[in-house]
Amino acid sequence: MSARRLPKTLAPWREVLASAERESWFPLIFDRSVPAEAEAMDELMNDGEVVYIHDMLEAQLKDLVRSRTPSKNYTDDEVTQEIVRLLDGQTPQNYGRWAFYPWSRRMVHLLPPDSFIELRSDRNRNKITSEEQARLRKIKIALAGLSVGNAVAVTLALEGVFGELRLADFDTLDLSNMNRIRCAVHHLGLNKAIIAARQIYEQNPYANLVLFTDGVTTDNIGEFIDGTGPGDRADIVIDECDSVQIKLKLREEARAVGCRC
């Protein structure tokens, strides 16, 4: 199986739901300012596939306004005025994005991508500079092995330190793995890369992940490290896999192309 990548356009929700329990790994992101996406979202809702709607957009907007000028003591009226300015004539329902998680059937209303990232990383302010954050958000990381590596992947996502994260593991979750993977018993039997992807997308639906659910093999190691074309090479390779053969191969390949491992 080749690497699993995010579709370039909104995936048909009926096709995604057909294998959602075992195979779905990314959310469907609806932009209601696009008529076709608004129509698709309405169809999904009307078909009864959404079991829970979580709409905390107003709270996110208030937090965004206050975060941009933390020294200012806003009144409630001033915050409302700033929110009206941010909406710029759009209705709250059509502002931002709606993320639908096929594996849990939840629909979540969120800020648009740039504002979401700005607010989500706001508490990193002064720990690292905005310029450093921007540089980190462009890094490509290839991570092999998602038992111990699960914690590494989730921490990278929490800190927002990648532009693309490649996750590789062929194995499925066993009960005996759960001493080192933060997951739930309903994840038993799922591929470990899919588990990690779901965890990351529930933190950040705009993350850019690539999944290698066959693990790293001699056939796909080139794509795992080099990507699919010029400028797509991983900046960092992280090895948390069990196979000694693959550990050696990862280091050899990374050294050959000048990639950190």
Protein backbone atom coordinates (compact mmCIF):
# COMPACT_ATOMS: atom_id res chain seq x y z
CA MET A 1 0.00 0.00 0.00
CA SER A 2 1.30 3.47 -0.89
CA ALA A 3 1.42 6.32 1.60
CA ARG A 4 -1.93 7.76 2.66
CA ARG A 5 -2.13 11.49 2.01
CA LEU A 6 -4.78 14.11 2.60
CA PRO A 7 -7.07 14.56 -0.40
CA LYS A 8 -6.57 17.81 -2.27
CA THR A 9 -10.31 18.48 -2.28
CA LEU A 10 -13.08 17.66 0.16
CA ALA A 11 -13.48 13.88 0.23
CA PRO A 12 -17.01 12.53 -0.44
CA TRP A 13 -18.43 11.97 3.02
CA ARG A 14 -20.39 8.84 2.05
CA GLU A 15 -17.20 7.13 0.86
CA VAL A 16 -15.34 8.12 4.02
CA LEU A 17 -18.11 6.88 6.29
CA ALA A 18 -18.27 3.53 4.49
CA SER A 19 -15.01 2.48 6.22
CA ALA A 20 -14.90 5.04 9.02
CA GLU A 21 -14.66 2.71 12.00
CA ARG A 22 -11.40 1.06 10.97
CA GLU A 23 -9.88 3.20 8.24
CA SER A 24 -10.77 6.89 8.64
CA TRP A 25 -7.91 9.01 9.95
CA PHE A 26 -8.55 12.65 8.96
CA PRO A 27 -11.49 14.99 9.53
CA LEU A 28 -13.63 16.41 6.74
CA ILE A 29 -13.24 20.20 6.77
CA PHE A 30 -16.23 22.16 5.48
CA ASP A 31 -15.98 25.80 4.45
CA ARG A 32 -19.56 27.04 4.28
CA SER A 33 -18.54 30.07 2.22
CA VAL A 34 -18.05 27.54 -0.62
CA PRO A 35 -21.55 26.59 -1.87
CA ALA A 36 -20.65 23.00 -2.76
CA GLU A 37 -19.15 22.40 0.68
CA ALA A 38 -22.12 23.98 2.44
CA GLU A 39 -24.41 21.70 0.43
CA ALA A 40 -22.35 18.62 1.30
CA MET A 41 -22.36 19.53 4.99
CA ASP A 42 -26.13 20.05 4.95
CA GLU A 43 -26.60 16.63 3.32
CA LEU A 44 -24.41 15.03 5.98
CA MET A 45 -26.38 16.71 8.75
CA ASN A 46 -29.77 15.90 7.22
CA ASP A 47 -28.86 12.24 6.80
CA GLY A 48 -28.45 11.96 10.57
CA GLU A 49 -24.77 10.99 10.45
CA VAL A 50 -23.71 13.69 12.93
CA VAL A 51 -24.27 12.55 16.51
CA TYR A 52 -22.97 15.68 18.26
CA ILE A 53 -22.43 19.31 17.26
CA HIS A 54 -19.85 21.25 19.26
CA ASP A 55 -20.06 24.96 18.48
CA MET A 56 -17.84 27.12 20.68
CA LEU A 57 -16.96 29.63 17.97
CA GLU A 58 -18.04 32.66 20.01
CA ALA A 59 -15.68 31.72 22.84
CA GLN A 60 -12.84 31.21 20.35
CA LEU A 61 -13.50 34.64 18.79
CA LYS A 62 -13.50 36.33 22.20
CA ASP A 63 -10.25 34.60 23.10
CA LEU A 64 -8.72 35.61 19.77
CA VAL A 65 -9.65 39.28 20.26
CA ARG A 66 -8.17 39.41 23.75
CA SER A 67 -5.02 37.49 22.77
CA ARG A 68 -4.12 40.00 20.07
CA THR A 69 -3.91 42.88 22.56
CA PRO A 70 -3.29 41.23 25.94
CA SER A 71 -2.45 44.53 27.63
CA LYS A 72 -5.88 45.99 26.83
CA ASN A 73 -8.74 45.56 29.28
CA TYR A 74 -11.64 45.11 26.85
CA THR A 75 -15.22 45.75 27.83
CA ASP A 76 -17.83 43.26 26.67
CA ASP A 77 -19.12 45.79 24.13
CA GLU A 78 -15.62 46.33 22.71
CA VAL A 79 -15.13 42.59 22.32
CA THR A 80 -18.46 42.34 20.52
CA GLN A 81 -17.45 45.14 18.16
CA GLU A 82 -14.16 43.41 17.37
CA ILE A 83 -15.98 40.15 16.67
CA VAL A 84 -18.32 41.93 14.25
CA ARG A 85 -15.21 43.28 12.50
CA LEU A 86 -13.70 39.80 12.29
CA LEU A 87 -16.89 38.31 10.87
CA ASP A 88 -16.79 40.98 8.15
CA GLY A 89 -20.41 40.54 7.14
CA GLN A 90 -20.49 36.74 7.39
CA THR A 91 -22.97 34.99 9.62
CA PRO A 92 -21.36 33.14 12.54
CA GLN A 93 -22.56 29.83 11.04
CA ASN A 94 -20.66 30.47 7.81
CA TYR A 95 -17.52 31.85 9.45
CA GLY A 96 -14.46 29.66 9.95
CA ARG A 97 -14.61 25.93 9.31
CA TRP A 98 -16.63 22.93 10.43
CA ALA A 99 -14.60 19.77 11.14
CA PHE A 100 -16.40 16.45 10.98
CA TYR A 101 -14.66 13.47 12.61
CA PRO A 102 -15.90 10.31 10.87
CA TRP A 103 -14.74 7.92 13.60
CA SER A 104 -16.75 9.69 16.31
CA ARG A 105 -19.42 11.40 14.14
CA ARG A 106 -18.72 14.75 15.86
CA MET A 107 -19.00 18.09 14.08
CA VAL A 108 -16.91 20.93 15.55
CA HIS A 109 -17.05 24.64 14.64
CA LEU A 110 -13.61 26.26 14.53
CA LEU A 111 -11.77 29.42 13.62
CA PRO A 112 -10.33 29.54 10.08
CA PRO A 113 -6.85 27.99 9.71
CA ASP A 114 -4.62 31.06 10.23
CA SER A 115 -6.58 32.34 13.22
CA PHE A 116 -6.82 28.86 14.70
CA ILE A 117 -3.04 28.38 14.52
CA GLU A 118 -2.43 31.88 15.88
CA LEU A 119 -4.63 31.32 18.93
CA ARG A 120 -3.66 27.71 19.49
CA SER A 121 0.03 28.65 19.74
CA ASP A 122 -0.54 31.89 21.65
CA ARG A 123 0.74 30.48 24.96
CA ASN A 124 4.07 29.71 23.28
CA ARG A 125 4.59 33.46 23.07
CA ASN A 126 7.90 34.47 24.66
CA LYS A 127 8.91 30.84 25.03
CA ILE A 128 9.93 30.98 21.38
CA THR A 129 9.49 33.94 19.06
CA SER A 130 6.85 34.22 16.37
CA GLU A 131 9.60 33.92 13.76
CA GLU A 132 10.87 30.70 15.37
CA GLN A 133 7.34 29.31 15.50
CA ALA A 134 6.88 30.08 11.81
CA ARG A 135 10.14 28.28 10.96
CA LEU A 136 9.17 25.25 13.01
CA ARG A 137 5.81 25.05 11.26
CA LYS A 138 7.64 24.39 7.97
CA ILE A 139 9.73 21.43 9.15
CA LYS A 140 9.08 17.99 7.65
CA ILE A 141 9.50 15.15 10.13
CA ALA A 142 9.43 11.41 9.41
CA LEU A 143 8.64 9.28 12.48
CA ALA A 144 8.92 5.50 12.36
CA GLY A 145 7.40 3.39 15.14
CA LEU A 146 4.29 4.48 17.01
CA SER A 147 4.34 2.62 20.29
CA VAL A 148 6.83 4.77 22.20
CA GLY A 149 6.68 7.04 19.15
CA ASN A 150 3.02 7.82 19.84
CA ALA A 151 4.00 10.15 22.67
CA VAL A 152 6.61 11.78 20.44
CA ALA A 153 4.08 12.36 17.65
CA VAL A 154 1.43 13.80 19.95
CA THR A 155 3.95 16.08 21.69
CA LEU A 156 5.20 17.42 18.35
CA ALA A 157 1.59 18.18 17.45
CA LEU A 158 0.91 19.87 20.79
CA GLU A 159 3.87 22.17 20.30
CA GLY A 160 3.07 22.77 16.61
CA VAL A 161 6.60 22.05 15.45
CA PHE A 162 6.06 20.58 12.01
CA GLY A 163 4.66 21.48 8.63
CA GLU A 164 4.33 17.83 7.66
CA LEU A 165 4.57 14.76 9.87
CA ARG A 166 5.01 11.31 8.32
CA LEU A 167 3.82 8.51 10.59
CA ALA A 168 4.89 4.93 9.91
CA ASP A 169 3.80 1.73 11.64
CA PHE A 170 2.46 -1.55 10.22
CA ASP A 171 1.25 -2.89 13.57
CA THR A 172 -2.16 -2.80 15.22
CA LEU A 173 -2.82 -2.04 18.86
CA ASP A 174 -2.75 -4.94 21.33
CA LEU A 175 -3.78 -4.72 24.96
CA SER A 176 -0.17 -5.34 25.99
CA ASN A 177 0.87 -2.15 24.11
CA MET A 178 -1.19 0.04 26.39
CA ASN A 179 1.51 0.50 29.00
CA ARG A 180 3.22 2.96 26.65
CA ILE A 181 0.53 4.35 24.34
CA ARG A 182 -2.00 6.91 25.49
CA CYS A 183 -5.13 5.49 23.89
CA ALA A 184 -8.45 3.85 24.71
CA VAL A 185 -9.60 0.25 24.80
CA HIS A 186 -11.88 0.91 21.83
CA HIS A 187 -8.70 1.47 19.80
CA LEU A 188 -7.72 -2.20 20.14
CA GLY A 189 -7.10 -3.70 16.71
CA LEU A 190 -6.55 -0.35 14.97
CA ASN A 191 -3.38 0.46 13.10
CA LYS A 192 -1.07 2.50 15.34
CA ALA A 193 -0.47 5.18 12.70
CA ILE A 194 -4.23 5.68 12.37
CA ILE A 195 -4.57 5.95 16.16
CA ALA A 196 -1.85 8.63 16.30
CA ALA A 197 -3.38 10.51 13.36
CA ARG A 198 -6.80 10.61 15.02
CA GLN A 199 -5.27 11.88 18.26
CA ILE A 200 -3.41 14.64 16.42
CA TYR A 201 -6.37 15.71 14.29
CA GLU A 202 -8.56 15.95 17.37
CA GLN A 203 -6.05 18.53 18.65
CA ASN A 204 -5.52 20.25 15.32
CA PRO A 205 -7.82 19.49 12.38
CA TYR A 206 -5.56 21.53 10.08
CA ALA A 207 -2.45 19.38 10.66
CA ASN A 208 -0.67 17.92 7.64
CA LEU A 209 -0.03 14.20 8.12
CA VAL A 210 1.10 11.41 5.82
CA LEU A 211 0.52 7.82 6.93
CA PHE A 212 2.60 4.75 6.09
CA THR A 213 0.38 1.99 7.47
CA ASP A 214 2.67 -0.71 6.06
CA GLY A 215 5.46 0.68 8.22
CA VAL A 216 8.85 1.53 6.76
CA THR A 217 9.97 -1.06 4.21
CA THR A 218 12.78 -1.34 1.71
CA ASP A 219 10.22 -0.45 -0.96
CA ASN A 220 8.90 2.77 0.60
CA ILE A 221 11.84 4.08 2.62
CA GLY A 222 12.77 6.42 -0.22
CA GLU A 223 9.34 8.04 -0.18
CA PHE A 224 9.32 8.07 3.63
CA ILE A 225 12.50 10.16 3.74
CA ASP A 226 12.58 11.93 0.37
CA GLY A 227 8.85 12.48 -0.15
CA THR A 228 7.42 12.66 -3.64
CA GLY A 229 9.51 15.29 -5.37
CA PRO A 230 12.01 18.16 -5.16
CA GLY A 231 11.91 20.03 -1.86
CA ASP A 232 9.90 17.27 -0.17
CA ARG A 233 12.76 15.62 1.75
CA ALA A 234 12.28 15.21 5.49
CA ASP A 235 14.36 17.54 7.64
CA ILE A 236 14.41 15.14 10.58
CA VAL A 237 13.97 11.36 10.83
CA ILE A 238 12.95 9.97 14.23
CA ASP A 239 13.40 6.25 14.83
CA GLU A 240 11.21 4.53 17.43
CA CYS A 241 10.74 1.25 15.56
CA ASP A 242 11.64 -2.26 16.79
CA SER A 243 13.33 -3.76 13.73
CA VAL A 244 17.12 -3.61 13.90
CA GLN A 245 17.27 -3.95 10.11
CA ILE A 246 15.00 -0.93 9.58
CA LYS A 247 16.84 1.07 12.25
CA LEU A 248 20.09 0.60 10.34
CA LYS A 249 18.47 1.27 6.98
CA LEU A 250 16.88 4.51 8.23
CA ARG A 251 20.26 5.78 9.41
CA GLU A 252 22.00 4.79 6.19
CA GLU A 253 19.36 6.45 4.02
CA ALA A 254 19.21 9.58 6.16
CA ARG A 255 23.00 9.94 6.15
CA ALA A 256 23.12 9.42 2.38
CA VAL A 257 20.80 12.36 1.72
CA GLY A 258 22.05 14.62 4.52
CA CYS A 259 19.01 14.27 6.73
CA ARG A 260 19.20 14.37 10.53
CA CYS A 261 18.31 11.11 12.26
